[in-house]
PDB file of N, CA and C in Angstrom:
ATOM      1  N   MET A   1      21.233  -0.223   7.799  1.00  0.00           N
ATOM      2  CA  MET A   1      19.777  -0.199   7.811  1.00  0.00           C
ATOM      3  C   MET A   1      19.277   1.051   7.101  1.00  0.00           C
ATOM      4  N   ALA A   2      18.281   0.870   6.288  1.00  0.00           N
ATOM      5  CA  ALA A   2      17.665   1.999   5.592  1.00  0.00           C
ATOM      6  C   ALA A   2      16.302   2.270   6.212  1.00  0.00           C
ATOM      7  N   ARG A   3      16.011   3.523   6.425  1.00  0.00           N
ATOM      8  CA  ARG A   3      14.717   3.931   6.958  1.00  0.00           C
ATOM      9  C   ARG A   3      14.043   4.781   5.890  1.00  0.00           C
ATOM     10  N   PHE A   4      12.770   4.470   5.607  1.00  0.00           N
ATOM     11  CA  PHE A   4      12.036   5.198   4.579  1.00  0.00           C
ATOM     12  C   PHE A   4      10.568   5.272   4.964  1.00  0.00           C
ATOM     13  N   THR A   5       9.821   6.097   4.236  1.00  0.00           N
ATOM     14  CA  THR A   5       8.400   6.287   4.498  1.00  0.00           C
ATOM     15  C   THR A   5       7.592   5.580   3.429  1.00  0.00           C
ATOM     16  N   VAL A   6       6.567   4.855   3.860  1.00  0.00           N
ATOM     17  CA  VAL A   6       5.631   4.204   2.942  1.00  0.00           C
ATOM     18  C   VAL A   6       4.280   4.884   3.109  1.00  0.00           C
ATOM     19  N   GLN A   7       3.691   5.242   1.976  1.00  0.00           N
ATOM     20  CA  GLN A   7       2.347   5.819   1.988  1.00  0.00           C
ATOM     21  C   GLN A   7       1.399   4.817   1.346  1.00  0.00           C
ATOM     22  N   THR A   8       0.344   4.440   2.079  1.00  0.00           N
ATOM     23  CA  THR A   8      -0.631   3.488   1.569  1.00  0.00           C
ATOM     24  C   THR A   8      -1.579   4.168   0.589  1.00  0.00           C
ATOM     25  N   ARG A   9      -2.438   3.386  -0.011  1.00  0.00           N
ATOM     26  CA  ARG A   9      -3.377   3.928  -0.999  1.00  0.00           C
ATOM     27  C   ARG A   9      -4.357   4.917  -0.385  1.00  0.00           C
ATOM     28  N   ASN A  10      -4.637   4.779   0.908  1.00  0.00           N
ATOM     29  CA  ASN A  10      -5.572   5.727   1.528  1.00  0.00           C
ATOM     30  C   ASN A  10      -4.860   6.932   2.138  1.00  0.00           C
ATOM     31  N   GLY A  11      -3.538   7.036   1.926  1.00  0.00           N
ATOM     32  CA  GLY A  11      -2.796   8.211   2.368  1.00  0.00           C
ATOM     33  C   GLY A  11      -2.101   8.079   3.710  1.00  0.00           C
ATOM     34  N   ASP A  12      -2.334   6.977   4.428  1.00  0.00           N
ATOM     35  CA  ASP A  12      -1.634   6.769   5.702  1.00  0.00           C
ATOM     36  C   ASP A  12      -0.148   6.585   5.433  1.00  0.00           C
ATOM     37  N   GLN A  13       0.680   7.088   6.333  1.00  0.00           N
ATOM     38  CA  GLN A  13       2.128   6.949   6.189  1.00  0.00           C
ATOM     39  C   GLN A  13       2.700   6.227   7.390  1.00  0.00           C
ATOM     40  N   MET A  14       3.748   5.439   7.121  1.00  0.00           N
ATOM     41  CA  MET A  14       4.449   4.757   8.203  1.00  0.00           C
ATOM     42  C   MET A  14       5.927   4.694   7.875  1.00  0.00           C
ATOM     43  N   GLU A  15       6.731   4.723   8.921  1.00  0.00           N
ATOM     44  CA  GLU A  15       8.176   4.583   8.754  1.00  0.00           C
ATOM     45  C   GLU A  15       8.506   3.096   8.713  1.00  0.00           C
ATOM     46  N   VAL A  16       9.359   2.712   7.772  1.00  0.00           N
ATOM     47  CA  VAL A  16       9.779   1.323   7.619  1.00  0.00           C
ATOM     48  C   VAL A  16      11.297   1.289   7.631  1.00  0.00           C
ATOM     49  N   THR A  17      11.825   0.281   8.270  1.00  0.00           N
ATOM     50  CA  THR A  17      13.269   0.078   8.308  1.00  0.00           C
ATOM     51  C   THR A  17      13.578  -1.270   7.687  1.00  0.00           C
ATOM     52  N   GLY A  18      14.610  -1.309   6.853  1.00  0.00           N
ATOM     53  CA  GLY A  18      15.010  -2.568   6.230  1.00  0.00           C
ATOM     54  C   GLY A  18      16.520  -2.668   6.147  1.00  0.00           C
ATOM     55  N   ARG A  19      16.996  -3.902   6.108  1.00  0.00           N
ATOM     56  CA  ARG A  19      18.437  -4.134   6.014  1.00  0.00           C
ATOM     57  C   ARG A  19      18.948  -3.779   4.625  1.00  0.00           C
ATOM     58  N   ASP A  20      20.135  -3.206   4.551  1.00  0.00           N
ATOM     59  CA  ASP A  20      20.776  -2.933   3.265  1.00  0.00           C
ATOM     60  C   ASP A  20      20.907  -4.256   2.503  1.00  0.00           C
ATOM     61  N   GLY A  21      20.579  -4.230   1.228  1.00  0.00           N
ATOM     62  CA  GLY A  21      20.636  -5.421   0.396  1.00  0.00           C
ATOM     63  C   GLY A  21      19.310  -6.153   0.284  1.00  0.00           C
ATOM     64  N   ALA A  22      18.395  -5.902   1.211  1.00  0.00           N
ATOM     65  CA  ALA A  22      17.064  -6.506   1.135  1.00  0.00           C
ATOM     66  C   ALA A  22      16.240  -5.747   0.096  1.00  0.00           C
ATOM     67  N   THR A  23      15.256  -6.405  -0.462  1.00  0.00           N
ATOM     68  CA  THR A  23      14.393  -5.698  -1.403  1.00  0.00           C
ATOM     69  C   THR A  23      13.408  -4.819  -0.645  1.00  0.00           C
ATOM     70  N   LEU A  24      12.953  -3.815  -1.328  1.00  0.00           N
ATOM     71  CA  LEU A  24      11.930  -2.932  -0.790  1.00  0.00           C
ATOM     72  C   LEU A  24      10.700  -3.754  -0.401  1.00  0.00           C
ATOM     73  N   LEU A  25      10.325  -4.709  -1.247  1.00  0.00           N
ATOM     74  CA  LEU A  25       9.181  -5.585  -0.978  1.00  0.00           C
ATOM     75  C   LEU A  25       9.348  -6.314   0.349  1.00  0.00           C
ATOM     76  N   LYS A  26      10.499  -6.914   0.563  1.00  0.00           N
ATOM     77  CA  LYS A  26      10.738  -7.676   1.789  1.00  0.00           C
ATOM     78  C   LYS A  26      10.641  -6.777   3.023  1.00  0.00           C
ATOM     79  N   ALA A  27      11.209  -5.594   2.952  1.00  0.00           N
ATOM     80  CA  ALA A  27      11.163  -4.666   4.081  1.00  0.00           C
ATOM     81  C   ALA A  27       9.726  -4.239   4.382  1.00  0.00           C
ATOM     82  N   MET A  28       8.948  -3.966   3.340  1.00  0.00           N
ATOM     83  CA  MET A  28       7.559  -3.542   3.552  1.00  0.00           C
ATOM     84  C   MET A  28       6.727  -4.680   4.140  1.00  0.00           C
ATOM     85  N   ARG A  29       6.923  -5.886   3.627  1.00  0.00           N
ATOM     86  CA  ARG A  29       6.173  -7.035   4.166  1.00  0.00           C
ATOM     87  C   ARG A  29       6.527  -7.280   5.619  1.00  0.00           C
ATOM     88  N   LYS A  30       7.804  -7.210   5.931  1.00  0.00           N
ATOM     89  CA  LYS A  30       8.253  -7.426   7.309  1.00  0.00           C
ATOM     90  C   LYS A  30       7.637  -6.382   8.247  1.00  0.00           C
ATOM     91  N   ALA A  31       7.399  -5.179   7.734  1.00  0.00           N
ATOM     92  CA  ALA A  31       6.809  -4.099   8.528  1.00  0.00           C
ATOM     93  C   ALA A  31       5.280  -4.188   8.597  1.00  0.00           C
ATOM     94  N   GLY A  32       4.690  -5.157   7.879  1.00  0.00           N
ATOM     95  CA  GLY A  32       3.250  -5.344   7.930  1.00  0.00           C
ATOM     96  C   GLY A  32       2.455  -4.578   6.894  1.00  0.00           C
ATOM     97  N   VAL A  33       3.112  -4.063   5.872  1.00  0.00           N
ATOM     98  CA  VAL A  33       2.403  -3.367   4.793  1.00  0.00           C
ATOM     99  C   VAL A  33       1.738  -4.437   3.930  1.00  0.00           C
ATOM    100  N   GLU A  34       0.413  -4.509   3.990  1.00  0.00           N
ATOM    101  CA  GLU A  34      -0.314  -5.593   3.331  1.00  0.00           C
ATOM    102  C   GLU A  34      -0.863  -5.237   1.958  1.00  0.00           C
ATOM    103  N   GLU A  35      -0.812  -3.987   1.549  1.00  0.00           N
ATOM    104  CA  GLU A  35      -1.357  -3.586   0.250  1.00  0.00           C
ATOM    105  C   GLU A  35      -0.508  -4.048  -0.926  1.00  0.00           C
ATOM    106  N   VAL A  36       0.715  -4.420  -0.675  1.00  0.00           N
ATOM    107  CA  VAL A  36       1.609  -4.865  -1.742  1.00  0.00           C
ATOM    108  C   VAL A  36       1.392  -6.365  -1.914  1.00  0.00           C
ATOM    109  N   VAL A  37       0.730  -6.751  -3.000  1.00  0.00           N
ATOM    110  CA  VAL A  37       0.306  -8.130  -3.194  1.00  0.00           C
ATOM    111  C   VAL A  37       1.476  -9.042  -3.562  1.00  0.00           C
ATOM    112  N   ALA A  38       2.227  -8.698  -4.582  1.00  0.00           N
ATOM    113  CA  ALA A  38       3.351  -9.517  -5.053  1.00  0.00           C
ATOM    114  C   ALA A  38       2.908 -10.951  -5.329  1.00  0.00           C
ATOM    115  N   GLN A  39       1.959 -11.096  -6.227  1.00  0.00           N
ATOM    116  CA  GLN A  39       1.405 -12.412  -6.566  1.00  0.00           C
ATOM    117  C   GLN A  39       2.475 -13.426  -6.958  1.00  0.00           C
ATOM    118  N   CYS A  40       3.530 -12.976  -7.594  1.00  0.00           N
ATOM    119  CA  CYS A  40       4.572 -13.900  -8.063  1.00  0.00           C
ATOM    120  C   CYS A  40       5.597 -14.204  -6.983  1.00  0.00           C
ATOM    121  N   GLY A  41       5.426 -13.625  -5.799  1.00  0.00           N
ATOM    122  CA  GLY A  41       6.349 -13.873  -4.710  1.00  0.00           C
ATOM    123  C   GLY A  41       7.636 -13.087  -4.789  1.00  0.00           C
ATOM    124  N   GLY A  42       7.663 -12.093  -5.630  1.00  0.00           N
ATOM    125  CA  GLY A  42       8.862 -11.254  -5.744  1.00  0.00           C
ATOM    126  C   GLY A  42       9.799 -11.693  -6.845  1.00  0.00           C
ATOM    127  N   GLY A  43       9.275 -12.422  -7.828  1.00  0.00           N
ATOM    128  CA  GLY A  43      10.109 -12.939  -8.910  1.00  0.00           C
ATOM    129  C   GLY A  43      10.087 -12.133 -10.189  1.00  0.00           C
ATOM    130  N   CYS A  44       9.576 -10.923 -10.148  1.00  0.00           N
ATOM    131  CA  CYS A  44       9.501 -10.043 -11.320  1.00  0.00           C
ATOM    132  C   CYS A  44       8.710 -10.688 -12.455  1.00  0.00           C
ATOM    133  N   ALA A  45       7.597 -11.360 -12.080  1.00  0.00           N
ATOM    134  CA  ALA A  45       6.756 -12.011 -13.076  1.00  0.00           C
ATOM    135  C   ALA A  45       5.340 -11.437 -13.073  1.00  0.00           C
ATOM    136  N   CYS A  46       5.139 -10.353 -12.347  1.00  0.00           N
ATOM    137  CA  CYS A  46       3.857  -9.647 -12.347  1.00  0.00           C
ATOM    138  C   CYS A  46       4.171  -8.195 -11.973  1.00  0.00           C
ATOM    139  N   ALA A  47       3.183  -7.383 -11.839  1.00  0.00           N
ATOM    140  CA  ALA A  47       3.432  -5.993 -11.420  1.00  0.00           C
ATOM    141  C   ALA A  47       2.579  -5.644 -10.215  1.00  0.00           C
ATOM    142  N   THR A  48       2.256  -6.642  -9.402  1.00  0.00           N
ATOM    143  CA  THR A  48       1.385  -6.397  -8.251  1.00  0.00           C
ATOM    144  C   THR A  48       2.130  -5.873  -7.036  1.00  0.00           C
ATOM    145  N   CYS A  49       3.422  -5.573  -7.202  1.00  0.00           N
ATOM    146  CA  CYS A  49       4.186  -4.911  -6.126  1.00  0.00           C
ATOM    147  C   CYS A  49       4.626  -3.518  -6.590  1.00  0.00           C
ATOM    148  N   HIS A  50       3.871  -2.962  -7.531  1.00  0.00           N
ATOM    149  CA  HIS A  50       4.149  -1.661  -8.138  1.00  0.00           C
ATOM    150  C   HIS A  50       4.053  -0.546  -7.092  1.00  0.00           C
ATOM    151  N   VAL A  51       5.090   0.277  -7.047  1.00  0.00           N
ATOM    152  CA  VAL A  51       5.132   1.437  -6.150  1.00  0.00           C
ATOM    153  C   VAL A  51       5.702   2.626  -6.907  1.00  0.00           C
ATOM    154  N   TYR A  52       5.510   3.805  -6.340  1.00  0.00           N
ATOM    155  CA  TYR A  52       6.140   5.027  -6.832  1.00  0.00           C
ATOM    156  C   TYR A  52       7.218   5.410  -5.832  1.00  0.00           C
ATOM    157  N   VAL A  53       8.421   5.626  -6.309  1.00  0.00           N
ATOM    158  CA  VAL A  53       9.538   5.914  -5.418  1.00  0.00           C
ATOM    159  C   VAL A  53      10.092   7.308  -5.683  1.00  0.00           C
ATOM    160  N   THR A  54      10.176   8.092  -4.627  1.00  0.00           N
ATOM    161  CA  THR A  54      10.826   9.399  -4.677  1.00  0.00           C
ATOM    162  C   THR A  54      12.076   9.291  -3.814  1.00  0.00           C
ATOM    163  N   PRO A  55      13.247   9.232  -4.448  1.00  0.00           N
ATOM    164  CA  PRO A  55      14.482   9.119  -3.661  1.00  0.00           C
ATOM    165  C   PRO A  55      14.810  10.452  -2.992  1.00  0.00           C
ATOM    166  N   PRO A  56      15.717  10.427  -2.034  1.00  0.00           N
ATOM    167  CA  PRO A  56      16.154  11.682  -1.420  1.00  0.00           C
ATOM    168  C   PRO A  56      16.773  12.604  -2.474  1.00  0.00           C
ATOM    169  N   GLU A  57      16.709  13.890  -2.237  1.00  0.00           N
ATOM    170  CA  GLU A  57      17.260  14.859  -3.187  1.00  0.00           C
ATOM    171  C   GLU A  57      18.725  14.553  -3.480  1.00  0.00           C
ATOM    172  N   GLY A  58      19.058  14.562  -4.757  1.00  0.00           N
ATOM    173  CA  GLY A  58      20.435  14.326  -5.190  1.00  0.00           C
ATOM    174  C   GLY A  58      20.821  12.864  -5.320  1.00  0.00           C
ATOM    175  N   VAL A  59      19.892  11.960  -5.055  1.00  0.00           N
ATOM    176  CA  VAL A  59      20.180  10.524  -5.135  1.00  0.00           C
ATOM    177  C   VAL A  59      19.413   9.939  -6.317  1.00  0.00           C
ATOM    178  N   ALA A  60      20.099   9.172  -7.142  1.00  0.00           N
ATOM    179  CA  ALA A  60      19.458   8.505  -8.279  1.00  0.00           C
ATOM    180  C   ALA A  60      19.225   7.043  -7.931  1.00  0.00           C
ATOM    181  N   LEU A  61      18.075   6.540  -8.326  1.00  0.00           N
ATOM    182  CA  LEU A  61      17.786   5.120  -8.142  1.00  0.00           C
ATOM    183  C   LEU A  61      18.565   4.301  -9.169  1.00  0.00           C
ATOM    184  N   PRO A  62      18.858   3.055  -8.851  1.00  0.00           N
ATOM    185  CA  PRO A  62      19.442   2.190  -9.871  1.00  0.00           C
ATOM    186  C   PRO A  62      18.470   2.114 -11.057  1.00  0.00           C
ATOM    187  N   PRO A  63      18.976   1.935 -12.265  1.00  0.00           N
ATOM    188  CA  PRO A  63      18.082   1.914 -13.424  1.00  0.00           C
ATOM    189  C   PRO A  63      17.142   0.705 -13.422  1.00  0.00           C
ATOM    190  N   VAL A  64      16.017   0.873 -14.085  1.00  0.00           N
ATOM    191  CA  VAL A  64      15.054  -0.211 -14.271  1.00  0.00           C
ATOM    192  C   VAL A  64      15.656  -1.207 -15.256  1.00  0.00           C
ATOM    193  N   GLY A  65      15.642  -2.472 -14.880  1.00  0.00           N
ATOM    194  CA  GLY A  65      16.154  -3.514 -15.771  1.00  0.00           C
ATOM    195  C   GLY A  65      15.119  -3.916 -16.805  1.00  0.00           C
ATOM    196  N   PRO A  66      15.520  -4.689 -17.809  1.00  0.00           N
ATOM    197  CA  PRO A  66      14.602  -5.080 -18.880  1.00  0.00           C
ATOM    198  C   PRO A  66      13.368  -5.849 -18.390  1.00  0.00           C
ATOM    199  N   ALA A  67      13.533  -6.792 -17.487  1.00  0.00           N
ATOM    200  CA  ALA A  67      12.389  -7.570 -16.995  1.00  0.00           C
ATOM    201  C   ALA A  67      11.430  -6.673 -16.219  1.00  0.00           C
ATOM    202  N   GLU A  68      11.986  -5.800 -15.392  1.00  0.00           N
ATOM    203  CA  GLU A  68      11.149  -4.871 -14.628  1.00  0.00           C
ATOM    204  C   GLU A  68      10.403  -3.936 -15.572  1.00  0.00           C
ATOM    205  N   ALA A  69      11.067  -3.461 -16.608  1.00  0.00           N
ATOM    206  CA  ALA A  69      10.421  -2.570 -17.581  1.00  0.00           C
ATOM    207  C   ALA A  69       9.252  -3.273 -18.277  1.00  0.00           C
ATOM    208  N   ARG A  70       9.445  -4.549 -18.623  1.00  0.00           N
ATOM    209  CA  ARG A  70       8.356  -5.307 -19.270  1.00  0.00           C
ATOM    210  C   ARG A  70       7.152  -5.435 -18.343  1.00  0.00           C
ATOM    211  N   MET A  71       7.405  -5.714 -17.087  1.00  0.00           N
ATOM    212  CA  MET A  71       6.299  -5.871 -16.136  1.00  0.00           C
ATOM    213  C   MET A  71       5.614  -4.539 -15.859  1.00  0.00           C
ATOM    214  N   LEU A  72       6.388  -3.472 -15.717  1.00  0.00           N
ATOM    215  CA  LEU A  72       5.784  -2.157 -15.482  1.00  0.00           C
ATOM    216  C   LEU A  72       4.952  -1.706 -16.677  1.00  0.00           C
ATOM    217  N   ALA A  73       5.324  -2.143 -17.865  1.00  0.00           N
ATOM    218  CA  ALA A  73       4.577  -1.778 -19.073  1.00  0.00           C
ATOM    219  C   ALA A  73       3.149  -2.334 -19.045  1.00  0.00           C
ATOM    220  N   THR A  74       2.891  -3.329 -18.193  1.00  0.00           N
ATOM    221  CA  THR A  74       1.545  -3.900 -18.103  1.00  0.00           C
ATOM    222  C   THR A  74       0.624  -3.081 -17.207  1.00  0.00           C
ATOM    223  N   SER A  75       1.167  -2.110 -16.487  1.00  0.00           N
ATOM    224  CA  SER A  75       0.361  -1.318 -15.562  1.00  0.00           C
ATOM    225  C   SER A  75      -0.159  -0.050 -16.218  1.00  0.00           C
ATOM    226  N   ARG A  76      -1.427   0.163 -16.105  1.00  0.00           N
ATOM    227  CA  ARG A  76      -2.003   1.404 -16.646  1.00  0.00           C
ATOM    228  C   ARG A  76      -1.671   2.602 -15.759  1.00  0.00           C
ATOM    229  N   TYR A  77      -1.067   2.349 -14.581  1.00  0.00           N
ATOM    230  CA  TYR A  77      -0.714   3.424 -13.655  1.00  0.00           C
ATOM    231  C   TYR A  77       0.783   3.730 -13.625  1.00  0.00           C
ATOM    232  N   ARG A  78       1.511   3.293 -14.613  1.00  0.00           N
ATOM    233  CA  ARG A  78       2.954   3.532 -14.643  1.00  0.00           C
ATOM    234  C   ARG A  78       3.254   5.023 -14.794  1.00  0.00           C
ATOM    235  N   THR A  79       4.240   5.489 -14.037  1.00  0.00           N
ATOM    236  CA  THR A  79       4.719   6.866 -14.136  1.00  0.00           C
ATOM    237  C   THR A  79       6.244   6.827 -14.197  1.00  0.00           C
ATOM    238  N   LEU A  80       6.857   7.982 -14.286  1.00  0.00           N
ATOM    239  CA  LEU A  80       8.323   8.043 -14.298  1.00  0.00           C
ATOM    240  C   LEU A  80       8.935   7.553 -12.980  1.00  0.00           C
ATOM    241  N   SER A  81       8.164   7.599 -11.897  1.00  0.00           N
ATOM    242  CA  SER A  81       8.695   7.152 -10.606  1.00  0.00           C
ATOM    243  C   SER A  81       8.302   5.713 -10.268  1.00  0.00           C
ATOM    244  N   SER A  82       7.720   4.990 -11.228  1.00  0.00           N
ATOM    245  CA  SER A  82       7.284   3.617 -10.993  1.00  0.00           C
ATOM    246  C   SER A  82       8.453   2.654 -10.855  1.00  0.00           C
ATOM    247  N   ARG A  83       8.318   1.762  -9.885  1.00  0.00           N
ATOM    248  CA  ARG A  83       9.269   0.661  -9.688  1.00  0.00           C
ATOM    249  C   ARG A  83       8.501  -0.546  -9.187  1.00  0.00           C
ATOM    250  N   LEU A  84       9.082  -1.714  -9.378  1.00  0.00           N
ATOM    251  CA  LEU A  84       8.570  -2.919  -8.737  1.00  0.00           C
ATOM    252  C   LEU A  84       9.345  -3.073  -7.440  1.00  0.00           C
ATOM    253  N   SER A  85       8.630  -3.161  -6.339  1.00  0.00           N
ATOM    254  CA  SER A  85       9.313  -3.204  -5.045  1.00  0.00           C
ATOM    255  C   SER A  85      10.140  -4.473  -4.867  1.00  0.00           C
ATOM    256  N   CYS A  86       9.876  -5.505  -5.662  1.00  0.00           N
ATOM    257  CA  CYS A  86      10.684  -6.723  -5.581  1.00  0.00           C
ATOM    258  C   CYS A  86      12.031  -6.567  -6.269  1.00  0.00           C
ATOM    259  N   GLN A  87      12.204  -5.516  -7.038  1.00  0.00           N
ATOM    260  CA  GLN A  87      13.431  -5.332  -7.811  1.00  0.00           C
ATOM    261  C   GLN A  87      14.349  -4.241  -7.273  1.00  0.00           C
ATOM    262  N   LEU A  88      13.879  -3.451  -6.353  1.00  0.00           N
ATOM    263  CA  LEU A  88      14.686  -2.346  -5.815  1.00  0.00           C
ATOM    264  C   LEU A  88      15.275  -2.758  -4.472  1.00  0.00           C
ATOM    265  N   LYS A  89      16.597  -2.817  -4.415  1.00  0.00           N
ATOM    266  CA  LYS A  89      17.274  -3.212  -3.177  1.00  0.00           C
ATOM    267  C   LYS A  89      17.630  -1.982  -2.358  1.00  0.00           C
ATOM    268  N   LEU A  90      17.500  -2.135  -1.065  1.00  0.00           N
ATOM    269  CA  LEU A  90      17.820  -1.040  -0.151  1.00  0.00           C
ATOM    270  C   LEU A  90      19.325  -0.854  -0.064  1.00  0.00           C
ATOM    271  N   GLU A  91      19.725   0.392  -0.015  1.00  0.00           N
ATOM    272  CA  GLU A  91      21.139   0.734   0.135  1.00  0.00           C
ATOM    273  C   GLU A  91      21.220   2.047   0.905  1.00  0.00           C
ATOM    274  N   PRO A  92      22.377   2.335   1.489  1.00  0.00           N
ATOM    275  CA  PRO A  92      22.491   3.519   2.351  1.00  0.00           C
ATOM    276  C   PRO A  92      22.021   4.826   1.707  1.00  0.00           C
ATOM    277  N   GLY A  93      22.233   5.043   0.445  1.00  0.00           N
ATOM    278  CA  GLY A  93      21.841   6.297  -0.194  1.00  0.00           C
ATOM    279  C   GLY A  93      20.337   6.501  -0.299  1.00  0.00           C
ATOM    280  N   LEU A  94      19.565   5.435  -0.096  1.00  0.00           N
ATOM    281  CA  LEU A  94      18.112   5.542  -0.237  1.00  0.00           C
ATOM    282  C   LEU A  94      17.415   5.878   1.076  1.00  0.00           C
ATOM    283  N   GLU A  95      18.198   6.140   2.101  1.00  0.00           N
ATOM    284  CA  GLU A  95      17.642   6.553   3.387  1.00  0.00           C
ATOM    285  C   GLU A  95      16.716   7.753   3.172  1.00  0.00           C
ATOM    286  N   GLN A  96      15.559   7.694   3.775  1.00  0.00           N
ATOM    287  CA  GLN A  96      14.565   8.774   3.742  1.00  0.00           C
ATOM    288  C   GLN A  96      13.807   8.904   2.423  1.00  0.00           C
ATOM    289  N   MET A  97      13.807   7.872   1.583  1.00  0.00           N
ATOM    290  CA  MET A  97      12.994   7.938   0.365  1.00  0.00           C
ATOM    291  C   MET A  97      11.517   7.803   0.726  1.00  0.00           C
ATOM    292  N   LEU A  98      10.674   8.235  -0.197  1.00  0.00           N
ATOM    293  CA  LEU A  98       9.229   8.090  -0.050  1.00  0.00           C
ATOM    294  C   LEU A  98       8.763   7.030  -1.032  1.00  0.00           C
ATOM    295  N   VAL A  99       8.012   6.063  -0.531  1.00  0.00           N
ATOM    296  CA  VAL A  99       7.462   4.988  -1.349  1.00  0.00           C
ATOM    297  C   VAL A  99       5.947   5.062  -1.239  1.00  0.00           C
ATOM    298  N   VAL A 100       5.280   5.264  -2.365  1.00  0.00           N
ATOM    299  CA  VAL A 100       3.820   5.347  -2.398  1.00  0.00           C
ATOM    300  C   VAL A 100       3.312   4.118  -3.140  1.00  0.00           C
ATOM    301  N   ILE A 101       2.409   3.389  -2.530  1.00  0.00           N
ATOM    302  CA  ILE A 101       1.862   2.188  -3.167  1.00  0.00           C
ATOM    303  C   ILE A 101       0.962   2.600  -4.307  1.00  0.00           C
ATOM    304  N   ALA A 102       1.234   2.068  -5.486  1.00  0.00           N
ATOM    305  CA  ALA A 102       0.473   2.414  -6.697  1.00  0.00           C
ATOM    306  C   ALA A 102      -0.952   1.867  -6.613  1.00  0.00           C
ATOM    307  N   PRO A 103      -1.873   2.481  -7.361  1.00  0.00           N
ATOM    308  CA  PRO A 103      -3.235   1.961  -7.401  1.00  0.00           C
ATOM    309  C   PRO A 103      -3.253   0.507  -7.870  1.00  0.00           C
ATOM    310  N   ASP A 104      -4.240  -0.219  -7.417  1.00  0.00           N
ATOM    311  CA  ASP A 104      -4.393  -1.627  -7.787  1.00  0.00           C
ATOM    312  C   ASP A 104      -4.906  -1.724  -9.220  1.00  0.00           C
ATOM    313  N   ASP A 105      -4.180  -2.477 -10.035  1.00  0.00           N
ATOM    314  CA  ASP A 105      -4.572  -2.693 -11.430  1.00  0.00           C
ATOM    315  C   ASP A 105      -5.634  -3.779 -11.562  1.00  0.00           C
ATOM    316  N   GLY A 106      -5.991  -4.406 -10.456  1.00  0.00           N
ATOM    317  CA  GLY A 106      -7.005  -5.452 -10.501  1.00  0.00           C
ATOM    318  C   GLY A 106      -6.440  -6.837 -10.744  1.00  0.00           C
ATOM    319  N   GLY A 107      -5.132  -6.983 -10.725  1.00  0.00           N
ATOM    320  CA  GLY A 107      -4.526  -8.297 -10.868  1.00  0.00           C
ATOM    321  C   GLY A 107      -4.583  -8.870 -12.264  1.00  0.00           C
ATOM    322  N   ASP A 108      -4.746  -8.049 -13.272  1.00  0.00           N
ATOM    323  CA  ASP A 108      -4.813  -8.530 -14.658  1.00  0.00           C
ATOM    324  C   ASP A 108      -3.425  -8.723 -15.244  1.00  0.00           C
ATOM    325  N   PHE A 109      -2.604  -9.547 -14.619  1.00  0.00           N
ATOM    326  CA  PHE A 109      -1.265  -9.764 -15.086  1.00  0.00           C
ATOM    327  C   PHE A 109      -1.133 -11.182 -15.492  1.00  0.00           C
TER     328      PHE A 109
END
């Protein structure tokens, strides 16, 4: 089980726990985080599950894949820490990461 912190757009923080191998999106939804829209249902066909991820010190995230990179390119709020929560799977090394929900792009995907 991975435990991490989610920060909503208004700055509220909550601890979320998810099973290893589950996507970040699935864990957040199961915990009741409603700001993550995921219009495509988690199929990497939009960027409405865009988050900023700060992994624990000394831990590198898996690289962004080509499909994820294409979708993130549609967001005007993309940063170096941008990820699609439907594409990042939880694993033991990601314990204690910080996930901040990115600003809403307005659904123009």
